[in-house]
Amino acid sequence: MFEKKLFWTFFLAAGLAWAPPCFAEVNEMDSNFDGKVDQWQHMSADGKVVKIEYDGDFNGKVDQVEYFKGDKKLIRVEFDINQDGAMDHFQYYNAKGNVGRIEKSSKMNGKIDSREFFGASKKLKKVEFDDNGDGAFETVQFYNDQEKLIRLESDANSDGKTDRWSYFGGSGQIDRTAFDTDGNGKPDQWQYYEKGGEVIKKVEYDTNGDGKADRWERFSGGKLSKIELDRNFDGKVDMTQKK
């Protein structure tokens, strides 16, 4: 492996004032001995590594960059997944040196459209998605300590407010979904499922906005079989319609 050192000198000047020069260093390396540089180590003036660039597939283009703080403490890694010269995958590290967040541009257009968050136990806790590319993350998935999906929140109309909440059981299948149909930030309709969300078994409605269901639609075999109403909103069914 050959190594070449480049030294850069920086001067600070303002009027007649002059500061002593400080020195930074770039070490160039050929890791596969093909006669071409494929790794660049950028050093600070005090001799610490601040950045390392890699040409992982040896095509002459940087496709991975590592950033460091202090005594070679890794804080961020960037990747160019599709080799177009632009970074599209970013990993951020916490104080313990573990990945705390991952950001991705799945369309490779320079826009981040998904973010993954990890807890202190290194396990996935939350994933956010920008579904329409507007810079806002409309869909959020939440995971438990076993990294199983337990809840999904979404902004279906892209108005900046969550209007749908889906809940998942231990098997990872959807159990129920709550909807905010009037845009006040509170659910007013609840759908309950069986067979992993394939069949509706019950739908509840809050028609007067008090946060409590006052209309119930019950299904059998996926077909509506009964409607129950609480017409005076006292929490009790006072009318039943069979289908």
C-alpha atoms as a PDB file:
ATOM      1  CA  MET A   1       0.000   0.000   0.000  1.00  0.00           C
ATOM      2  CA  PHE A   2       1.474   3.341  -0.950  1.00  0.00           C
ATOM      3  CA  GLU A   3       0.686   6.446   1.039  1.00  0.00           C
ATOM      4  CA  LYS A   4       1.023  10.038  -0.035  1.00  0.00           C
ATOM      5  CA  LYS A   5       0.715  13.015   2.294  1.00  0.00           C
ATOM      6  CA  LEU A   6      -0.609  16.390   1.214  1.00  0.00           C
ATOM      7  CA  PHE A   7      -0.130  19.429   3.441  1.00  0.00           C
ATOM      8  CA  TRP A   8      -2.380  22.448   3.251  1.00  0.00           C
ATOM      9  CA  THR A   9      -1.601  25.792   4.896  1.00  0.00           C
ATOM     10  CA  PHE A  10      -4.360  28.198   5.952  1.00  0.00           C
ATOM     11  CA  PHE A  11      -3.771  31.873   6.818  1.00  0.00           C
ATOM     12  CA  LEU A  12      -6.090  34.119   8.784  1.00  0.00           C
ATOM     13  CA  ALA A  13      -5.722  37.805   8.074  1.00  0.00           C
ATOM     14  CA  ALA A  14      -7.742  40.931   8.749  1.00  0.00           C
ATOM     15  CA  GLY A  15      -6.178  44.269   7.855  1.00  0.00           C
ATOM     16  CA  LEU A  16      -2.711  44.322   9.335  1.00  0.00           C
ATOM     17  CA  ALA A  17      -3.511  41.568  11.789  1.00  0.00           C
ATOM     18  CA  TRP A  18      -1.977  38.201  11.004  1.00  0.00           C
ATOM     19  CA  ALA A  19      -2.402  34.840  12.681  1.00  0.00           C
ATOM     20  CA  PRO A  20       0.250  32.122  12.629  1.00  0.00           C
ATOM     21  CA  PRO A  21      -0.435  29.433  10.035  1.00  0.00           C
ATOM     22  CA  CYS A  22      -2.028  26.157  11.060  1.00  0.00           C
ATOM     23  CA  PHE A  23      -1.519  22.963   9.149  1.00  0.00           C
ATOM     24  CA  ALA A  24      -3.933  20.243   7.998  1.00  0.00           C
ATOM     25  CA  GLU A  25      -2.932  16.987   6.386  1.00  0.00           C
ATOM     26  CA  VAL A  26      -4.490  14.596   3.878  1.00  0.00           C
ATOM     27  CA  ASN A  27      -3.150  11.058   3.677  1.00  0.00           C
ATOM     28  CA  GLU A  28      -3.800   9.294   0.374  1.00  0.00           C
ATOM     29  CA  MET A  29      -3.699   5.493   0.227  1.00  0.00           C
ATOM     30  CA  ASP A  30      -3.947   2.717  -2.332  1.00  0.00           C
ATOM     31  CA  SER A  31      -5.557  -0.151  -0.415  1.00  0.00           C
ATOM     32  CA  ASN A  32      -5.655  -2.712  -3.266  1.00  0.00           C
ATOM     33  CA  PHE A  33      -2.213  -1.909  -4.752  1.00  0.00           C
ATOM     34  CA  ASP A  34      -3.527  -1.079  -8.221  1.00  0.00           C
ATOM     35  CA  GLY A  35      -1.596   2.175  -8.389  1.00  0.00           C
ATOM     36  CA  LYS A  36      -4.658   4.345  -7.798  1.00  0.00           C
ATOM     37  CA  VAL A  37      -5.645   6.240  -4.671  1.00  0.00           C
ATOM     38  CA  ASP A  38      -8.839   4.863  -3.126  1.00  0.00           C
ATOM     39  CA  GLN A  39      -8.783   6.243   0.415  1.00  0.00           C
ATOM     40  CA  TRP A  40      -8.252   9.749   1.755  1.00  0.00           C
ATOM     41  CA  GLN A  41      -7.716  10.515   5.451  1.00  0.00           C
ATOM     42  CA  HIS A  42      -8.266  14.154   6.377  1.00  0.00           C
ATOM     43  CA  MET A  43      -6.419  15.270   9.500  1.00  0.00           C
ATOM     44  CA  SER A  44      -7.020  18.305  11.690  1.00  0.00           C
ATOM     45  CA  ALA A  45      -4.292  20.767  12.618  1.00  0.00           C
ATOM     46  CA  ASP A  46      -3.708  18.895  15.865  1.00  0.00           C
ATOM     47  CA  GLY A  47      -3.232  15.588  14.043  1.00  0.00           C
ATOM     48  CA  LYS A  48      -6.625  13.976  14.579  1.00  0.00           C
ATOM     49  CA  VAL A  49      -8.648  12.212  11.888  1.00  0.00           C
ATOM     50  CA  VAL A  50     -11.726  14.275  11.027  1.00  0.00           C
ATOM     51  CA  LYS A  51     -12.861  12.594   7.818  1.00  0.00           C
ATOM     52  CA  ILE A  52     -12.076   9.484   5.764  1.00  0.00           C
ATOM     53  CA  GLU A  53     -13.229   9.083   2.154  1.00  0.00           C
ATOM     54  CA  TYR A  54     -13.381   5.702   0.430  1.00  0.00           C
ATOM     55  CA  ASP A  55     -13.634   4.509  -3.146  1.00  0.00           C
ATOM     56  CA  GLY A  56     -15.025   1.112  -2.246  1.00  0.00           C
ATOM     57  CA  ASP A  57     -15.415  -0.294  -5.742  1.00  0.00           C
ATOM     58  CA  PHE A  58     -12.188   1.285  -7.056  1.00  0.00           C
ATOM     59  CA  ASN A  59     -13.864   3.189  -9.894  1.00  0.00           C
ATOM     60  CA  GLY A  60     -12.270   6.526  -9.075  1.00  0.00           C
ATOM     61  CA  LYS A  61     -15.324   7.920  -7.245  1.00  0.00           C
ATOM     62  CA  VAL A  62     -15.829   8.392  -3.520  1.00  0.00           C
ATOM     63  CA  ASP A  63     -18.794   6.280  -2.383  1.00  0.00           C
ATOM     64  CA  GLN A  64     -18.407   6.362   1.399  1.00  0.00           C
ATOM     65  CA  VAL A  65     -17.397   9.117   3.803  1.00  0.00           C
ATOM     66  CA  GLU A  66     -16.838   8.802   7.555  1.00  0.00           C
ATOM     67  CA  TYR A  67     -16.840  11.853   9.838  1.00  0.00           C
ATOM     68  CA  PHE A  68     -15.146  11.944  13.236  1.00  0.00           C
ATOM     69  CA  LYS A  69     -15.098  14.241  16.232  1.00  0.00           C
ATOM     70  CA  GLY A  70     -12.400  14.442  18.872  1.00  0.00           C
ATOM     71  CA  ASP A  71     -10.203  11.374  19.207  1.00  0.00           C
ATOM     72  CA  LYS A  72     -11.550   9.440  16.203  1.00  0.00           C
ATOM     73  CA  LYS A  73     -15.109   9.328  17.564  1.00  0.00           C
ATOM     74  CA  LEU A  74     -17.371   8.349  14.667  1.00  0.00           C
ATOM     75  CA  ILE A  75     -20.365  10.670  14.339  1.00  0.00           C
ATOM     76  CA  ARG A  76     -21.640  10.109  10.774  1.00  0.00           C
ATOM     77  CA  VAL A  77     -21.195   7.864   7.752  1.00  0.00           C
ATOM     78  CA  GLU A  78     -22.477   8.723   4.275  1.00  0.00           C
ATOM     79  CA  PHE A  79     -22.931   6.328   1.356  1.00  0.00           C
ATOM     80  CA  ASP A  80     -23.499   6.766  -2.372  1.00  0.00           C
ATOM     81  CA  ILE A  81     -25.564   3.643  -2.988  1.00  0.00           C
ATOM     82  CA  ASN A  82     -26.209   4.065  -6.713  1.00  0.00           C
ATOM     83  CA  GLN A  83     -22.765   5.464  -7.607  1.00  0.00           C
ATOM     84  CA  ASP A  84     -24.090   8.720  -9.096  1.00  0.00           C
ATOM     85  CA  GLY A  85     -21.726  10.957  -7.144  1.00  0.00           C
ATOM     86  CA  ALA A  86     -24.318  12.065  -4.572  1.00  0.00           C
ATOM     87  CA  MET A  87     -24.701  10.645  -1.082  1.00  0.00           C
ATOM     88  CA  ASP A  88     -28.099   9.040  -0.479  1.00  0.00           C
ATOM     89  CA  HIS A  89     -27.715   7.005   2.734  1.00  0.00           C
ATOM     90  CA  PHE A  90     -26.679   8.550   6.063  1.00  0.00           C
ATOM     91  CA  GLN A  91     -25.936   6.911   9.421  1.00  0.00           C
ATOM     92  CA  TYR A  92     -25.677   9.026  12.583  1.00  0.00           C
ATOM     93  CA  TYR A  93     -24.013   7.721  15.739  1.00  0.00           C
ATOM     94  CA  ASN A  94     -24.804   8.488  19.388  1.00  0.00           C
ATOM     95  CA  ALA A  95     -22.443   9.167  22.277  1.00  0.00           C
ATOM     96  CA  LYS A  96     -21.953   5.429  22.856  1.00  0.00           C
ATOM     97  CA  GLY A  97     -20.829   4.862  19.280  1.00  0.00           C
ATOM     98  CA  ASN A  98     -24.003   3.091  18.207  1.00  0.00           C
ATOM     99  CA  VAL A  99     -26.227   3.993  15.283  1.00  0.00           C
ATOM    100  CA  GLY A 100     -28.939   6.343  16.554  1.00  0.00           C
ATOM    101  CA  ARG A 101     -30.519   7.342  13.242  1.00  0.00           C
ATOM    102  CA  ILE A 102     -30.446   6.318   9.591  1.00  0.00           C
ATOM    103  CA  GLU A 103     -31.691   8.572   6.799  1.00  0.00           C
ATOM    104  CA  LYS A 104     -32.275   7.395   3.236  1.00  0.00           C
ATOM    105  CA  SER A 105     -33.177   8.764  -0.155  1.00  0.00           C
ATOM    106  CA  SER A 106     -34.908   5.765  -1.692  1.00  0.00           C
ATOM    107  CA  LYS A 107     -35.536   7.579  -4.996  1.00  0.00           C
ATOM    108  CA  MET A 108     -31.871   8.654  -5.162  1.00  0.00           C
ATOM    109  CA  ASN A 109     -32.933  12.244  -5.872  1.00  0.00           C
ATOM    110  CA  GLY A 110     -31.117  13.962  -3.009  1.00  0.00           C
ATOM    111  CA  LYS A 111     -34.252  14.136  -0.842  1.00  0.00           C
ATOM    112  CA  ILE A 112     -34.485  12.170   2.390  1.00  0.00           C
ATOM    113  CA  ASP A 113     -37.748  10.191   2.378  1.00  0.00           C
ATOM    114  CA  SER A 114     -37.239   7.784   5.278  1.00  0.00           C
ATOM    115  CA  ARG A 115     -35.712   8.008   8.745  1.00  0.00           C
ATOM    116  CA  GLU A 116     -35.036   5.143  11.161  1.00  0.00           C
ATOM    117  CA  PHE A 117     -34.521   5.790  14.885  1.00  0.00           C
ATOM    118  CA  PHE A 118     -32.827   3.387  17.299  1.00  0.00           C
ATOM    119  CA  GLY A 119     -32.980   3.245  21.090  1.00  0.00           C
ATOM    120  CA  ALA A 120     -30.223   2.837  23.660  1.00  0.00           C
ATOM    121  CA  SER A 121     -30.505  -0.943  23.257  1.00  0.00           C
ATOM    122  CA  LYS A 122     -29.588  -0.590  19.532  1.00  0.00           C
ATOM    123  CA  LYS A 123     -33.082  -1.757  18.584  1.00  0.00           C
ATOM    124  CA  LEU A 124     -35.344  -0.096  16.049  1.00  0.00           C
ATOM    125  CA  LYS A 125     -37.906   2.171  17.740  1.00  0.00           C
ATOM    126  CA  LYS A 126     -39.453   4.288  14.994  1.00  0.00           C
ATOM    127  CA  VAL A 127     -39.470   4.733  11.212  1.00  0.00           C
ATOM    128  CA  GLU A 128     -40.747   7.836   9.420  1.00  0.00           C
ATOM    129  CA  PHE A 129     -41.675   8.099   5.722  1.00  0.00           C
ATOM    130  CA  ASP A 130     -42.167  11.058   3.404  1.00  0.00           C
ATOM    131  CA  ASP A 131     -44.686   9.443   1.073  1.00  0.00           C
ATOM    132  CA  ASN A 132     -45.176  12.287  -1.422  1.00  0.00           C
ATOM    133  CA  GLY A 133     -41.748  13.931  -1.431  1.00  0.00           C
ATOM    134  CA  ASP A 134     -42.887  17.227   0.103  1.00  0.00           C
ATOM    135  CA  GLY A 135     -40.300  17.164   2.890  1.00  0.00           C
ATOM    136  CA  ALA A 136     -42.838  16.223   5.585  1.00  0.00           C
ATOM    137  CA  PHE A 137     -43.003  12.741   7.049  1.00  0.00           C
ATOM    138  CA  GLU A 138     -46.629  11.619   6.760  1.00  0.00           C
ATOM    139  CA  THR A 139     -46.295   8.032   7.974  1.00  0.00           C
ATOM    140  CA  VAL A 140     -44.688   6.898  11.243  1.00  0.00           C
ATOM    141  CA  GLN A 141     -44.198   3.294  12.386  1.00  0.00           C
ATOM    142  CA  PHE A 142     -43.564   2.458  16.052  1.00  0.00           C
ATOM    143  CA  TYR A 143     -41.866  -0.729  17.307  1.00  0.00           C
ATOM    144  CA  ASN A 144     -41.683  -2.474  20.673  1.00  0.00           C
ATOM    145  CA  ASP A 145     -38.585  -3.841  22.428  1.00  0.00           C
ATOM    146  CA  GLN A 146     -38.743  -6.959  20.240  1.00  0.00           C
ATOM    147  CA  GLU A 147     -38.664  -4.712  17.142  1.00  0.00           C
ATOM    148  CA  LYS A 148     -42.211  -5.712  16.207  1.00  0.00           C
ATOM    149  CA  LEU A 149     -44.546  -3.173  14.658  1.00  0.00           C
ATOM    150  CA  ILE A 150     -47.164  -2.094  17.218  1.00  0.00           C
ATOM    151  CA  ARG A 151     -48.572   1.158  15.823  1.00  0.00           C
ATOM    152  CA  LEU A 152     -48.718   3.107  12.591  1.00  0.00           C
ATOM    153  CA  GLU A 153     -49.701   6.772  12.414  1.00  0.00           C
ATOM    154  CA  SER A 154     -50.342   8.593   9.164  1.00  0.00           C
ATOM    155  CA  ASP A 155     -51.430  11.923   7.734  1.00  0.00           C
ATOM    156  CA  ALA A 156     -53.565  10.743   4.844  1.00  0.00           C
ATOM    157  CA  ASN A 157     -54.484  14.206   3.517  1.00  0.00           C
ATOM    158  CA  SER A 158     -51.013  15.740   4.048  1.00  0.00           C
ATOM    159  CA  ASP A 159     -52.261  18.649   6.146  1.00  0.00           C
ATOM    160  CA  GLY A 160     -49.607  18.182   8.817  1.00  0.00           C
ATOM    161  CA  LYS A 161     -51.924  16.395  11.271  1.00  0.00           C
ATOM    162  CA  THR A 162     -52.181  12.702  12.101  1.00  0.00           C
ATOM    163  CA  ASP A 163     -55.596  11.429  11.055  1.00  0.00           C
ATOM    164  CA  ARG A 164     -55.154   7.659  11.143  1.00  0.00           C
ATOM    165  CA  TRP A 165     -53.884   5.346  13.872  1.00  0.00           C
ATOM    166  CA  SER A 166     -53.442   1.610  13.222  1.00  0.00           C
ATOM    167  CA  TYR A 167     -52.644  -0.889  15.982  1.00  0.00           C
ATOM    168  CA  PHE A 168     -51.037  -4.292  15.560  1.00  0.00           C
ATOM    169  CA  GLY A 169     -51.231  -7.426  17.687  1.00  0.00           C
ATOM    170  CA  GLY A 170     -48.481  -9.750  18.821  1.00  0.00           C
ATOM    171  CA  SER A 171     -48.520 -11.627  15.536  1.00  0.00           C
ATOM    172  CA  GLY A 172     -47.793  -8.407  13.635  1.00  0.00           C
ATOM    173  CA  GLN A 173     -51.260  -8.325  12.074  1.00  0.00           C
ATOM    174  CA  ILE A 174     -53.476  -5.268  12.269  1.00  0.00           C
ATOM    175  CA  ASP A 175     -56.158  -5.348  14.964  1.00  0.00           C
ATOM    176  CA  ARG A 176     -57.862  -1.979  14.653  1.00  0.00           C
ATOM    177  CA  THR A 177     -57.619   1.462  13.065  1.00  0.00           C
ATOM    178  CA  ALA A 178     -58.873   4.796  14.363  1.00  0.00           C
ATOM    179  CA  PHE A 179     -59.734   7.700  12.030  1.00  0.00           C
ATOM    180  CA  ASP A 180     -60.114  11.447  12.446  1.00  0.00           C
ATOM    181  CA  THR A 181     -62.689  12.289   9.785  1.00  0.00           C
ATOM    182  CA  ASP A 182     -63.411  15.914  10.772  1.00  0.00           C
ATOM    183  CA  GLY A 183     -59.836  17.152  11.132  1.00  0.00           C
ATOM    184  CA  ASN A 184     -59.940  18.098  14.810  1.00  0.00           C
ATOM    185  CA  GLY A 185     -57.021  15.857  15.733  1.00  0.00           C
ATOM    186  CA  LYS A 186     -59.149  13.309  17.597  1.00  0.00           C
ATOM    187  CA  PRO A 187     -60.406   9.936  16.356  1.00  0.00           C
ATOM    188  CA  ASP A 188     -64.125   9.696  15.701  1.00  0.00           C
ATOM    189  CA  GLN A 189     -64.305   6.364  13.915  1.00  0.00           C
ATOM    190  CA  TRP A 190     -62.842   2.993  14.879  1.00  0.00           C
ATOM    191  CA  GLN A 191     -62.608  -0.116  12.702  1.00  0.00           C
ATOM    192  CA  TYR A 192     -61.899  -3.551  14.200  1.00  0.00           C
ATOM    193  CA  TYR A 193     -60.622  -6.438  12.109  1.00  0.00           C
ATOM    194  CA  GLU A 194     -60.212 -10.174  12.077  1.00  0.00           C
ATOM    195  CA  LYS A 195     -58.017 -12.432   9.947  1.00  0.00           C
ATOM    196  CA  GLY A 196     -55.127  -9.998  10.032  1.00  0.00           C
ATOM    197  CA  GLY A 197     -57.061  -6.981   8.838  1.00  0.00           C
ATOM    198  CA  GLU A 198     -58.668  -8.698   5.885  1.00  0.00           C
ATOM    199  CA  VAL A 199     -62.203  -8.693   7.314  1.00  0.00           C
ATOM    200  CA  ILE A 200     -64.023  -5.961   9.273  1.00  0.00           C
ATOM    201  CA  LYS A 201     -65.896  -7.229  12.314  1.00  0.00           C
ATOM    202  CA  LYS A 202     -67.015  -3.948  13.890  1.00  0.00           C
ATOM    203  CA  VAL A 203     -67.086  -0.202  13.202  1.00  0.00           C
ATOM    204  CA  GLU A 204     -67.719   2.415  15.881  1.00  0.00           C
ATOM    205  CA  TYR A 205     -68.643   6.072  15.310  1.00  0.00           C
ATOM    206  CA  ASP A 206     -68.595   9.181  17.477  1.00  0.00           C
ATOM    207  CA  THR A 207     -71.303  11.298  15.830  1.00  0.00           C
ATOM    208  CA  ASN A 208     -71.470  14.147  18.375  1.00  0.00           C
ATOM    209  CA  GLY A 209     -67.737  14.707  18.927  1.00  0.00           C
ATOM    210  CA  ASP A 210     -67.621  13.843  22.630  1.00  0.00           C
ATOM    211  CA  GLY A 211     -64.917  11.236  22.139  1.00  0.00           C
ATOM    212  CA  LYS A 212     -67.246   8.298  22.810  1.00  0.00           C
ATOM    213  CA  ALA A 213     -68.805   5.867  20.359  1.00  0.00           C
ATOM    214  CA  ASP A 214     -72.560   6.218  19.923  1.00  0.00           C
ATOM    215  CA  ARG A 215     -73.105   4.125  16.797  1.00  0.00           C
ATOM    216  CA  TRP A 216     -71.932   0.564  16.306  1.00  0.00           C
ATOM    217  CA  GLU A 217     -71.999  -1.458  13.108  1.00  0.00           C
ATOM    218  CA  ARG A 218     -71.378  -5.175  13.545  1.00  0.00           C
ATOM    219  CA  PHE A 219     -70.400  -7.532  10.751  1.00  0.00           C
ATOM    220  CA  SER A 220     -70.632 -11.263  10.228  1.00  0.00           C
ATOM    221  CA  GLY A 221     -68.543 -12.867   7.538  1.00  0.00           C
ATOM    222  CA  GLY A 222     -67.622  -9.415   6.280  1.00  0.00           C
ATOM    223  CA  LYS A 223     -71.277  -8.388   5.847  1.00  0.00           C
ATOM    224  CA  LEU A 224     -73.198  -5.876   7.965  1.00  0.00           C
ATOM    225  CA  SER A 225     -75.461  -7.768  10.366  1.00  0.00           C
ATOM    226  CA  LYS A 226     -76.529  -5.256  13.006  1.00  0.00           C
ATOM    227  CA  ILE A 227     -76.520  -1.522  13.818  1.00  0.00           C
ATOM    228  CA  GLU A 228     -76.727  -0.263  17.403  1.00  0.00           C
ATOM    229  CA  LEU A 229     -77.412   3.367  18.349  1.00  0.00           C
ATOM    230  CA  ASP A 230     -77.081   5.490  21.471  1.00  0.00           C
ATOM    231  CA  ARG A 231     -79.436   8.293  20.506  1.00  0.00           C
ATOM    232  CA  ASN A 232     -79.295  10.248  23.778  1.00  0.00           C
ATOM    233  CA  PHE A 233     -75.509   9.808  24.184  1.00  0.00           C
ATOM    234  CA  ASP A 234     -75.667   8.293  27.657  1.00  0.00           C
ATOM    235  CA  GLY A 235     -73.327   5.454  26.740  1.00  0.00           C
ATOM    236  CA  LYS A 236     -76.090   2.857  26.415  1.00  0.00           C
ATOM    237  CA  VAL A 237     -77.577   1.270  23.314  1.00  0.00           C
ATOM    238  CA  ASP A 238     -81.215   2.342  22.969  1.00  0.00           C
ATOM    239  CA  MET A 239     -81.961   1.210  19.435  1.00  0.00           C
ATOM    240  CA  THR A 240     -80.962  -1.863  17.423  1.00  0.00           C
ATOM    241  CA  GLN A 241     -81.399  -2.453  13.724  1.00  0.00           C
ATOM    242  CA  LYS A 242     -80.832  -5.948  12.366  1.00  0.00           C
ATOM    243  CA  LYS A 243     -79.895  -6.489   8.746  1.00  0.00           C
END
